[in-house]
Full PDB file with SEQRES, HELIX, SHEET, SSBOND, CRYST1, ORIGX, SCALE, CONECT and MASTER records, all heavy atoms in Angstrom:
SEQRES   1 A   36  VAL GLU ARG GLU GLY HIS PRO VAL VAL LEU HIS THR HIS          
SEQRES   2 A   36  LYS THR ASN ASP VAL ALA ARG PHE LEU MET GLU GLU LYS          
SEQRES   3 A   36  ALA ILE PRO ASP LEU ARG GLY PHE ASP VAL                      
HELIX    1 AA1 THR A   12  LYS A   14  5                                   3    
HELIX    2 AA2 THR A   15  GLU A   24  1                                  10    
HELIX    3 AA3 PRO A   29  LEU A   31  5                                   3    
SHEET    1 AA1 2 GLU A   2  ARG A   3  0                                        
SHEET    2 AA1 2 HIS A   6  PRO A   7 -1                                        
CRYST1    1.000    1.000    1.000  90.00  90.00  90.00 P 1           1          
ORIGX1      1.000000  0.000000  0.000000        0.00000                         
ORIGX2      0.000000  1.000000  0.000000        0.00000                         
ORIGX3      0.000000  0.000000  1.000000        0.00000                         
SCALE1      1.000000  0.000000  0.000000        0.00000                         
SCALE2      0.000000  1.000000  0.000000        0.00000                         
SCALE3      0.000000  0.000000  1.000000        0.00000                         
ATOM      1  N   VAL A   1       8.063  -5.029  21.270  1.00  0.00           N  
ATOM      2  CA  VAL A   1       8.773  -4.801  22.515  1.00  0.00           C  
ATOM      3  C   VAL A   1       8.002  -3.732  23.284  1.00  0.00           C  
ATOM      4  O   VAL A   1       7.340  -2.881  22.683  1.00  0.00           O  
ATOM      5  CB  VAL A   1      10.235  -4.342  22.256  1.00  0.00           C  
ATOM      6  CG1 VAL A   1      10.262  -3.037  21.450  1.00  0.00           C  
ATOM      7  CG2 VAL A   1      11.006  -4.174  23.548  1.00  0.00           C  
ATOM      8  N   GLU A   2       8.071  -3.782  24.585  1.00  0.00           N  
ATOM      9  CA  GLU A   2       7.333  -2.815  25.392  1.00  0.00           C  
ATOM     10  C   GLU A   2       8.225  -1.651  25.792  1.00  0.00           C  
ATOM     11  O   GLU A   2       9.371  -1.833  26.181  1.00  0.00           O  
ATOM     12  CB  GLU A   2       6.767  -3.490  26.644  1.00  0.00           C  
ATOM     13  CG  GLU A   2       5.632  -2.708  27.287  1.00  0.00           C  
ATOM     14  CD  GLU A   2       4.854  -3.551  28.283  1.00  0.00           C  
ATOM     15  OE1 GLU A   2       4.109  -4.459  27.852  1.00  0.00           O  
ATOM     16  OE2 GLU A   2       5.011  -3.305  29.487  1.00  0.00           O  
ATOM     17  N   ARG A   3       7.690  -0.446  25.650  1.00  0.00           N  
ATOM     18  CA  ARG A   3       8.384   0.765  26.065  1.00  0.00           C  
ATOM     19  C   ARG A   3       7.401   1.650  26.826  1.00  0.00           C  
ATOM     20  O   ARG A   3       6.345   2.011  26.303  1.00  0.00           O  
ATOM     21  CB  ARG A   3       8.930   1.531  24.861  1.00  0.00           C  
ATOM     22  CG  ARG A   3       9.631   2.847  25.243  1.00  0.00           C  
ATOM     23  CD  ARG A   3      10.006   3.630  24.004  1.00  0.00           C  
ATOM     24  NE  ARG A   3      10.531   4.935  24.382  1.00  0.00           N  
ATOM     25  CZ  ARG A   3      11.758   5.351  24.127  1.00  0.00           C  
ATOM     26  NH1 ARG A   3      12.607   4.576  23.495  1.00  0.00           N  
ATOM     27  NH2 ARG A   3      12.155   6.556  24.489  1.00  0.00           N  
ATOM     28  N   GLU A   4       7.746   1.953  28.068  1.00  0.00           N  
ATOM     29  CA  GLU A   4       6.912   2.810  28.926  1.00  0.00           C  
ATOM     30  C   GLU A   4       5.467   2.325  28.944  1.00  0.00           C  
ATOM     31  O   GLU A   4       4.520   3.107  28.921  1.00  0.00           O  
ATOM     32  CB  GLU A   4       6.986   4.259  28.467  1.00  0.00           C  
ATOM     33  CG  GLU A   4       8.379   4.861  28.557  1.00  0.00           C  
ATOM     34  CD  GLU A   4       8.434   6.287  28.053  1.00  0.00           C  
ATOM     35  OE1 GLU A   4       7.377   6.951  27.994  1.00  0.00           O  
ATOM     36  OE2 GLU A   4       9.543   6.742  27.707  1.00  0.00           O  
ATOM     37  N   GLY A   5       5.287   1.017  28.959  1.00  0.00           N  
ATOM     38  CA  GLY A   5       3.945   0.445  29.054  1.00  0.00           C  
ATOM     39  C   GLY A   5       3.210   0.311  27.734  1.00  0.00           C  
ATOM     40  O   GLY A   5       2.086  -0.197  27.703  1.00  0.00           O  
ATOM     41  N   HIS A   6       3.830   0.735  26.628  1.00  0.00           N  
ATOM     42  CA  HIS A   6       3.191   0.654  25.315  1.00  0.00           C  
ATOM     43  C   HIS A   6       3.931  -0.347  24.426  1.00  0.00           C  
ATOM     44  O   HIS A   6       5.160  -0.286  24.336  1.00  0.00           O  
ATOM     45  CB  HIS A   6       3.205   2.020  24.619  1.00  0.00           C  
ATOM     46  CG  HIS A   6       2.369   3.055  25.285  1.00  0.00           C  
ATOM     47  ND1 HIS A   6       1.014   3.175  25.081  1.00  0.00           N  
ATOM     48  CD2 HIS A   6       2.711   4.034  26.167  1.00  0.00           C  
ATOM     49  CE1 HIS A   6       0.546   4.183  25.805  1.00  0.00           C  
ATOM     50  NE2 HIS A   6       1.560   4.717  26.463  1.00  0.00           N  
ATOM     51  N   PRO A   7       3.216  -1.246  23.756  1.00  0.00           N  
ATOM     52  CA  PRO A   7       3.887  -2.113  22.779  1.00  0.00           C  
ATOM     53  C   PRO A   7       4.369  -1.301  21.581  1.00  0.00           C  
ATOM     54  O   PRO A   7       3.657  -0.430  21.078  1.00  0.00           O  
ATOM     55  CB  PRO A   7       2.790  -3.098  22.364  1.00  0.00           C  
ATOM     56  CG  PRO A   7       1.728  -2.995  23.412  1.00  0.00           C  
ATOM     57  CD  PRO A   7       1.788  -1.587  23.918  1.00  0.00           C  
ATOM     58  N   VAL A   8       5.576  -1.581  21.148  1.00  0.00           N  
ATOM     59  CA  VAL A   8       6.128  -1.006  19.917  1.00  0.00           C  
ATOM     60  C   VAL A   8       6.351  -2.175  18.960  1.00  0.00           C  
ATOM     61  O   VAL A   8       7.163  -3.061  19.236  1.00  0.00           O  
ATOM     62  CB  VAL A   8       7.453  -0.270  20.187  1.00  0.00           C  
ATOM     63  CG1 VAL A   8       8.068   0.217  18.878  1.00  0.00           C  
ATOM     64  CG2 VAL A   8       7.242   0.895  21.157  1.00  0.00           C  
ATOM     65  N   VAL A   9       5.642  -2.192  17.861  1.00  0.00           N  
ATOM     66  CA  VAL A   9       5.720  -3.317  16.938  1.00  0.00           C  
ATOM     67  C   VAL A   9       7.053  -3.283  16.190  1.00  0.00           C  
ATOM     68  O   VAL A   9       7.463  -2.259  15.648  1.00  0.00           O  
ATOM     69  CB  VAL A   9       4.539  -3.299  15.952  1.00  0.00           C  
ATOM     70  CG1 VAL A   9       4.786  -4.225  14.766  1.00  0.00           C  
ATOM     71  CG2 VAL A   9       3.262  -3.727  16.672  1.00  0.00           C  
ATOM     72  N   LEU A  10       7.729  -4.435  16.168  1.00  0.00           N  
ATOM     73  CA  LEU A  10       9.026  -4.585  15.522  1.00  0.00           C  
ATOM     74  C   LEU A  10       8.935  -5.271  14.167  1.00  0.00           C  
ATOM     75  O   LEU A  10       9.891  -5.241  13.401  1.00  0.00           O  
ATOM     76  CB  LEU A  10       9.969  -5.395  16.424  1.00  0.00           C  
ATOM     77  CG  LEU A  10      10.240  -4.838  17.821  1.00  0.00           C  
ATOM     78  CD1 LEU A  10      11.101  -5.823  18.611  1.00  0.00           C  
ATOM     79  CD2 LEU A  10      10.911  -3.483  17.747  1.00  0.00           C  
ATOM     80  N   HIS A  11       7.822  -5.902  13.894  1.00  0.00           N  
ATOM     81  CA  HIS A  11       7.671  -6.749  12.712  1.00  0.00           C  
ATOM     82  C   HIS A  11       7.510  -5.864  11.475  1.00  0.00           C  
ATOM     83  O   HIS A  11       6.397  -5.461  11.106  1.00  0.00           O  
ATOM     84  CB  HIS A  11       6.449  -7.650  12.889  1.00  0.00           C  
ATOM     85  CG  HIS A  11       6.457  -8.877  12.031  1.00  0.00           C  
ATOM     86  ND1 HIS A  11       6.763  -8.856  10.690  1.00  0.00           N  
ATOM     87  CD2 HIS A  11       6.192 -10.176  12.326  1.00  0.00           C  
ATOM     88  CE1 HIS A  11       6.679 -10.067  10.194  1.00  0.00           C  
ATOM     89  NE2 HIS A  11       6.340 -10.890  11.171  1.00  0.00           N  
ATOM     90  N   THR A  12       8.629  -5.574  10.796  1.00  0.00           N  
ATOM     91  CA  THR A  12       8.577  -4.653   9.666  1.00  0.00           C  
ATOM     92  C   THR A  12       7.704  -5.178   8.528  1.00  0.00           C  
ATOM     93  O   THR A  12       7.133  -4.384   7.776  1.00  0.00           O  
ATOM     94  CB  THR A  12       9.994  -4.376   9.129  1.00  0.00           C  
ATOM     95  OG1 THR A  12      10.622  -5.613   8.770  1.00  0.00           O  
ATOM     96  CG2 THR A  12      10.850  -3.692  10.174  1.00  0.00           C  
ATOM     97  N   HIS A  13       7.585  -6.505   8.398  1.00  0.00           N  
ATOM     98  CA  HIS A  13       6.792  -7.067   7.310  1.00  0.00           C  
ATOM     99  C   HIS A  13       5.303  -6.773   7.482  1.00  0.00           C  
ATOM    100  O   HIS A  13       4.544  -6.859   6.507  1.00  0.00           O  
ATOM    101  CB  HIS A  13       6.999  -8.583   7.222  1.00  0.00           C  
ATOM    102  CG  HIS A  13       8.439  -8.968   7.084  1.00  0.00           C  
ATOM    103  ND1 HIS A  13       8.902 -10.238   7.341  1.00  0.00           N  
ATOM    104  CD2 HIS A  13       9.530  -8.258   6.727  1.00  0.00           C  
ATOM    105  CE1 HIS A  13      10.209 -10.286   7.156  1.00  0.00           C  
ATOM    106  NE2 HIS A  13      10.612  -9.092   6.780  1.00  0.00           N  
ATOM    107  N   LYS A  14       4.879  -6.445   8.698  1.00  0.00           N  
ATOM    108  CA  LYS A  14       3.470  -6.149   8.953  1.00  0.00           C  
ATOM    109  C   LYS A  14       3.135  -4.681   8.717  1.00  0.00           C  
ATOM    110  O   LYS A  14       1.954  -4.304   8.693  1.00  0.00           O  
ATOM    111  CB  LYS A  14       3.116  -6.511  10.401  1.00  0.00           C  
ATOM    112  CG  LYS A  14       3.220  -7.999  10.731  1.00  0.00           C  
ATOM    113  CD  LYS A  14       2.084  -8.789  10.120  1.00  0.00           C  
ATOM    114  CE  LYS A  14       2.101 -10.234  10.614  1.00  0.00           C  
ATOM    115  NZ  LYS A  14       0.983 -11.021  10.065  1.00  0.00           N  
ATOM    116  N   THR A  15       4.147  -3.837   8.563  1.00  0.00           N  
ATOM    117  CA  THR A  15       3.902  -2.397   8.466  1.00  0.00           C  
ATOM    118  C   THR A  15       3.071  -2.052   7.236  1.00  0.00           C  
ATOM    119  O   THR A  15       2.207  -1.172   7.288  1.00  0.00           O  
ATOM    120  CB  THR A  15       5.234  -1.634   8.447  1.00  0.00           C  
ATOM    121  OG1 THR A  15       5.968  -1.964   9.624  1.00  0.00           O  
ATOM    122  CG2 THR A  15       4.994  -0.130   8.422  1.00  0.00           C  
ATOM    123  N   ASN A  16       3.284  -2.754   6.125  1.00  0.00           N  
ATOM    124  CA  ASN A  16       2.474  -2.498   4.936  1.00  0.00           C  
ATOM    125  C   ASN A  16       1.012  -2.863   5.161  1.00  0.00           C  
ATOM    126  O   ASN A  16       0.108  -2.193   4.650  1.00  0.00           O  
ATOM    127  CB  ASN A  16       3.032  -3.266   3.737  1.00  0.00           C  
ATOM    128  CG  ASN A  16       4.237  -2.582   3.136  1.00  0.00           C  
ATOM    129  OD1 ASN A  16       4.825  -1.682   3.731  1.00  0.00           O  
ATOM    130  ND2 ASN A  16       4.625  -3.011   1.946  1.00  0.00           N  
ATOM    131  N   ASP A  17       0.777  -3.932   5.941  1.00  0.00           N  
ATOM    132  CA  ASP A  17      -0.601  -4.293   6.272  1.00  0.00           C  
ATOM    133  C   ASP A  17      -1.255  -3.186   7.087  1.00  0.00           C  
ATOM    134  O   ASP A  17      -2.435  -2.859   6.884  1.00  0.00           O  
ATOM    135  CB  ASP A  17      -0.630  -5.600   7.062  1.00  0.00           C  
ATOM    136  CG  ASP A  17      -0.113  -6.787   6.264  1.00  0.00           C  
ATOM    137  OD1 ASP A  17      -0.145  -6.719   5.021  1.00  0.00           O  
ATOM    138  OD2 ASP A  17       0.330  -7.764   6.885  1.00  0.00           O  
ATOM    139  N   VAL A  18      -0.490  -2.624   8.006  1.00  0.00           N  
ATOM    140  CA  VAL A  18      -0.997  -1.518   8.825  1.00  0.00           C  
ATOM    141  C   VAL A  18      -1.322  -0.320   7.943  1.00  0.00           C  
ATOM    142  O   VAL A  18      -2.391   0.296   8.060  1.00  0.00           O  
ATOM    143  CB  VAL A  18       0.027  -1.136   9.908  1.00  0.00           C  
ATOM    144  CG1 VAL A  18      -0.395   0.136  10.637  1.00  0.00           C  
ATOM    145  CG2 VAL A  18       0.213  -2.278  10.900  1.00  0.00           C  
ATOM    146  N   ALA A  19      -0.405   0.033   7.044  1.00  0.00           N  
ATOM    147  CA  ALA A  19      -0.626   1.181   6.167  1.00  0.00           C  
ATOM    148  C   ALA A  19      -1.835   0.968   5.262  1.00  0.00           C  
ATOM    149  O   ALA A  19      -2.641   1.880   5.057  1.00  0.00           O  
ATOM    150  CB  ALA A  19       0.628   1.439   5.342  1.00  0.00           C  
ATOM    151  N   ARG A  20      -1.968  -0.249   4.711  1.00  0.00           N  
ATOM    152  CA  ARG A  20      -3.124  -0.537   3.860  1.00  0.00           C  
ATOM    153  C   ARG A  20      -4.426  -0.345   4.634  1.00  0.00           C  
ATOM    154  O   ARG A  20      -5.385   0.261   4.125  1.00  0.00           O  
ATOM    155  CB  ARG A  20      -3.043  -1.960   3.312  1.00  0.00           C  
ATOM    156  CG  ARG A  20      -4.281  -2.371   2.505  1.00  0.00           C  
ATOM    157  CD  ARG A  20      -4.246  -3.845   2.139  1.00  0.00           C  
ATOM    158  NE  ARG A  20      -3.437  -4.092   0.972  1.00  0.00           N  
ATOM    159  CZ  ARG A  20      -3.883  -4.034  -0.293  1.00  0.00           C  
ATOM    160  NH1 ARG A  20      -5.147  -3.725  -0.531  1.00  0.00           N  
ATOM    161  NH2 ARG A  20      -3.072  -4.298  -1.291  1.00  0.00           N  
ATOM    162  N   PHE A  21      -4.462  -0.877   5.856  1.00  0.00           N  
ATOM    163  CA  PHE A  21      -5.660  -0.743   6.677  1.00  0.00           C  
ATOM    164  C   PHE A  21      -5.983   0.731   6.930  1.00  0.00           C  
ATOM    165  O   PHE A  21      -7.141   1.156   6.820  1.00  0.00           O  
ATOM    166  CB  PHE A  21      -5.454  -1.480   7.997  1.00  0.00           C  
ATOM    167  CG  PHE A  21      -6.613  -1.357   8.952  1.00  0.00           C  
ATOM    168  CD1 PHE A  21      -7.831  -1.937   8.667  1.00  0.00           C  
ATOM    169  CD2 PHE A  21      -6.475  -0.653  10.142  1.00  0.00           C  
ATOM    170  CE1 PHE A  21      -8.901  -1.825   9.547  1.00  0.00           C  
ATOM    171  CE2 PHE A  21      -7.529  -0.533  11.024  1.00  0.00           C  
ATOM    172  CZ  PHE A  21      -8.748  -1.123  10.728  1.00  0.00           C  
ATOM    173  N   LEU A  22      -4.963   1.528   7.248  1.00  0.00           N  
ATOM    174  CA  LEU A  22      -5.194   2.953   7.494  1.00  0.00           C  
ATOM    175  C   LEU A  22      -5.718   3.657   6.247  1.00  0.00           C  
ATOM    176  O   LEU A  22      -6.624   4.502   6.330  1.00  0.00           O  
ATOM    177  CB  LEU A  22      -3.888   3.613   7.957  1.00  0.00           C  
ATOM    178  CG  LEU A  22      -3.373   3.218   9.340  1.00  0.00           C  
ATOM    179  CD1 LEU A  22      -1.977   3.784   9.574  1.00  0.00           C  
ATOM    180  CD2 LEU A  22      -4.319   3.689  10.437  1.00  0.00           C  
ATOM    181  N   MET A  23      -5.182   3.301   5.091  1.00  0.00           N  
ATOM    182  CA  MET A  23      -5.639   3.936   3.851  1.00  0.00           C  
ATOM    183  C   MET A  23      -7.052   3.494   3.494  1.00  0.00           C  
ATOM    184  O   MET A  23      -7.878   4.299   3.061  1.00  0.00           O  
ATOM    185  CB  MET A  23      -4.659   3.631   2.717  1.00  0.00           C  
ATOM    186  CG  MET A  23      -3.305   4.323   2.891  1.00  0.00           C  
ATOM    187  SD  MET A  23      -2.160   4.122   1.498  1.00  0.00           S  
ATOM    188  CE  MET A  23      -1.725   2.373   1.638  1.00  0.00           C  
ATOM    189  N   GLU A  24      -7.345   2.203   3.677  1.00  0.00           N  
ATOM    190  CA  GLU A  24      -8.686   1.707   3.360  1.00  0.00           C  
ATOM    191  C   GLU A  24      -9.734   2.271   4.312  1.00  0.00           C  
ATOM    192  O   GLU A  24     -10.891   2.465   3.921  1.00  0.00           O  
ATOM    193  CB  GLU A  24      -8.689   0.186   3.399  1.00  0.00           C  
ATOM    194  CG  GLU A  24      -7.910  -0.447   2.244  1.00  0.00           C  
ATOM    195  CD  GLU A  24      -7.833  -1.956   2.319  1.00  0.00           C  
ATOM    196  OE1 GLU A  24      -8.076  -2.516   3.415  1.00  0.00           O  
ATOM    197  OE2 GLU A  24      -7.526  -2.581   1.292  1.00  0.00           O  
ATOM    198  N   GLU A  25      -9.334   2.545   5.547  1.00  0.00           N  
ATOM    199  CA  GLU A  25     -10.252   3.120   6.532  1.00  0.00           C  
ATOM    200  C   GLU A  25     -10.314   4.645   6.445  1.00  0.00           C  
ATOM    201  O   GLU A  25     -10.967   5.287   7.271  1.00  0.00           O  
ATOM    202  CB  GLU A  25      -9.817   2.707   7.940  1.00  0.00           C  
ATOM    203  CG  GLU A  25      -9.996   1.229   8.244  1.00  0.00           C  
ATOM    204  CD  GLU A  25     -11.461   0.813   8.239  1.00  0.00           C  
ATOM    205  OE1 GLU A  25     -12.264   1.468   8.932  1.00  0.00           O  
ATOM    206  OE2 GLU A  25     -11.792  -0.153   7.514  1.00  0.00           O  
ATOM    207  N   LYS A  26      -9.599   5.219   5.476  1.00  0.00           N  
ATOM    208  CA  LYS A  26      -9.573   6.667   5.251  1.00  0.00           C  
ATOM    209  C   LYS A  26      -9.083   7.421   6.495  1.00  0.00           C  
ATOM    210  O   LYS A  26      -9.563   8.496   6.835  1.00  0.00           O  
ATOM    211  CB  LYS A  26     -10.951   7.189   4.835  1.00  0.00           C  
ATOM    212  CG  LYS A  26     -11.595   6.414   3.684  1.00  0.00           C  
ATOM    213  CD  LYS A  26     -10.716   6.403   2.445  1.00  0.00           C  
ATOM    214  CE  LYS A  26     -11.349   5.625   1.301  1.00  0.00           C  
ATOM    215  NZ  LYS A  26     -10.466   5.514   0.100  1.00  0.00           N  
ATOM    216  N   ALA A  27      -8.082   6.829   7.161  1.00  0.00           N  
ATOM    217  CA  ALA A  27      -7.539   7.418   8.385  1.00  0.00           C  
ATOM    218  C   ALA A  27      -6.368   8.370   8.116  1.00  0.00           C  
ATOM    219  O   ALA A  27      -5.846   8.980   9.043  1.00  0.00           O  
ATOM    220  CB  ALA A  27      -7.087   6.312   9.343  1.00  0.00           C  
ATOM    221  N   ILE A  28      -5.970   8.482   6.841  1.00  0.00           N  
ATOM    222  CA  ILE A  28      -4.891   9.403   6.473  1.00  0.00           C  
ATOM    223  C   ILE A  28      -5.505  10.494   5.612  1.00  0.00           C  
ATOM    224  O   ILE A  28      -5.826  10.271   4.429  1.00  0.00           O  
ATOM    225  CB  ILE A  28      -3.772   8.663   5.711  1.00  0.00           C  
ATOM    226  CG1 ILE A  28      -3.202   7.537   6.578  1.00  0.00           C  
ATOM    227  CG2 ILE A  28      -2.669   9.636   5.301  1.00  0.00           C  
ATOM    228  CD1 ILE A  28      -2.137   6.692   5.891  1.00  0.00           C  
ATOM    229  N   PRO A  29      -5.711  11.681   6.163  1.00  0.00           N  
ATOM    230  CA  PRO A  29      -6.464  12.729   5.456  1.00  0.00           C  
ATOM    231  C   PRO A  29      -5.979  13.012   4.041  1.00  0.00           C  
ATOM    232  O   PRO A  29      -6.793  13.162   3.123  1.00  0.00           O  
ATOM    233  CB  PRO A  29      -6.278  13.950   6.375  1.00  0.00           C  
ATOM    234  CG  PRO A  29      -6.112  13.365   7.736  1.00  0.00           C  
ATOM    235  CD  PRO A  29      -5.340  12.095   7.527  1.00  0.00           C  
ATOM    236  N   ASP A  30      -4.676  13.092   3.817  1.00  0.00           N  
ATOM    237  CA  ASP A  30      -4.152  13.435   2.489  1.00  0.00           C  
ATOM    238  C   ASP A  30      -4.454  12.371   1.439  1.00  0.00           C  
ATOM    239  O   ASP A  30      -4.353  12.645   0.237  1.00  0.00           O  
ATOM    240  CB  ASP A  30      -2.640  13.650   2.555  1.00  0.00           C  
ATOM    241  CG  ASP A  30      -2.270  14.957   3.236  1.00  0.00           C  
ATOM    242  OD1 ASP A  30      -3.193  15.746   3.542  1.00  0.00           O  
ATOM    243  OD2 ASP A  30      -1.074  15.190   3.476  1.00  0.00           O  
ATOM    244  N   LEU A  31      -4.832  11.160   1.879  1.00  0.00           N  
ATOM    245  CA  LEU A  31      -5.059  10.056   0.942  1.00  0.00           C  
ATOM    246  C   LEU A  31      -6.517   9.612   0.901  1.00  0.00           C  
ATOM    247  O   LEU A  31      -6.837   8.595   0.286  1.00  0.00           O  
ATOM    248  CB  LEU A  31      -4.164   8.862   1.316  1.00  0.00           C  
ATOM    249  CG  LEU A  31      -2.658   9.148   1.409  1.00  0.00           C  
ATOM    250  CD1 LEU A  31      -1.909   7.876   1.784  1.00  0.00           C  
ATOM    251  CD2 LEU A  31      -2.123   9.718   0.104  1.00  0.00           C  
ATOM    252  N   ARG A  32      -7.418  10.353   1.527  1.00  0.00           N  
ATOM    253  CA  ARG A  32      -8.809   9.912   1.648  1.00  0.00           C  
ATOM    254  C   ARG A  32      -9.521   9.792   0.314  1.00  0.00           C  
ATOM    255  O   ARG A  32     -10.450   8.991   0.158  1.00  0.00           O  
ATOM    256  CB  ARG A  32      -9.566  10.864   2.566  1.00  0.00           C  
ATOM    257  CG  ARG A  32      -9.338  10.569   4.040  1.00  0.00           C  
ATOM    258  CD  ARG A  32     -10.047  11.543   4.937  1.00  0.00           C  
ATOM    259  NE  ARG A  32      -9.734  11.284   6.335  1.00  0.00           N  
ATOM    260  CZ  ARG A  32      -9.874  12.173   7.306  1.00  0.00           C  
ATOM    261  NH1 ARG A  32     -10.331  13.392   7.029  1.00  0.00           N  
ATOM    262  NH2 ARG A  32      -9.567  11.858   8.550  1.00  0.00           N  
ATOM    263  N   GLY A  33      -9.132  10.568  -0.664  1.00  0.00           N  
ATOM    264  CA  GLY A  33      -9.816  10.508  -1.955  1.00  0.00           C  
ATOM    265  C   GLY A  33      -9.368   9.363  -2.838  1.00  0.00           C  
ATOM    266  O   GLY A  33      -9.916   9.171  -3.926  1.00  0.00           O  
ATOM    267  N   PHE A  34      -8.393   8.568  -2.353  1.00  0.00           N  
ATOM    268  CA  PHE A  34      -7.810   7.505  -3.174  1.00  0.00           C  
ATOM    269  C   PHE A  34      -8.176   6.125  -2.643  1.00  0.00           C  
ATOM    270  O   PHE A  34      -8.358   5.939  -1.440  1.00  0.00           O  
ATOM    271  CB  PHE A  34      -6.286   7.630  -3.216  1.00  0.00           C  
ATOM    272  CG  PHE A  34      -5.792   8.834  -3.965  1.00  0.00           C  
ATOM    273  CD1 PHE A  34      -5.717  10.075  -3.345  1.00  0.00           C  
ATOM    274  CD2 PHE A  34      -5.413   8.720  -5.293  1.00  0.00           C  
ATOM    275  CE1 PHE A  34      -5.258  11.187  -4.039  1.00  0.00           C  
ATOM    276  CE2 PHE A  34      -4.948   9.828  -5.989  1.00  0.00           C  
ATOM    277  CZ  PHE A  34      -4.876  11.065  -5.363  1.00  0.00           C  
ATOM    278  N   ASP A  35      -8.267   5.175  -3.551  1.00  0.00           N  
ATOM    279  CA  ASP A  35      -8.476   3.770  -3.198  1.00  0.00           C  
ATOM    280  C   ASP A  35      -7.215   2.979  -3.527  1.00  0.00           C  
ATOM    281  O   ASP A  35      -6.514   3.275  -4.505  1.00  0.00           O  
ATOM    282  CB  ASP A  35      -9.657   3.188  -3.977  1.00  0.00           C  
ATOM    283  CG  ASP A  35     -10.975   3.872  -3.608  1.00  0.00           C  
ATOM    284  OD1 ASP A  35     -11.191   4.112  -2.410  1.00  0.00           O  
ATOM    285  OD2 ASP A  35     -11.752   4.169  -4.542  1.00  0.00           O  
ATOM    286  N   VAL A  36      -6.947   1.947  -2.730  1.00  0.00           N  
ATOM    287  CA  VAL A  36      -5.798   1.086  -2.985  1.00  0.00           C  
ATOM    288  C   VAL A  36      -6.117   0.176  -4.165  1.00  0.00           C  
ATOM    289  O   VAL A  36      -7.095  -0.578  -4.143  1.00  0.00           O  
ATOM    290  CB  VAL A  36      -5.450   0.245  -1.743  1.00  0.00           C  
ATOM    291  CG1 VAL A  36      -4.281  -0.694  -2.057  1.00  0.00           C  
ATOM    292  CG2 VAL A  36      -5.115   1.142  -0.554  1.00  0.00           C  
TER     293      VAL A  36                                                      
MASTER        0    0    0    3    2    0    0    6  292    1    0    3          
END                                                                             
């Protein structure tokens, strides 16, 4: 859904895919030393 010109993702089933991508790309500093 769009809010103030920005898409806000509603698909909760995709959130884990997003988190995995962030962890694999080392985009979360506290988790950079870990692999999925």
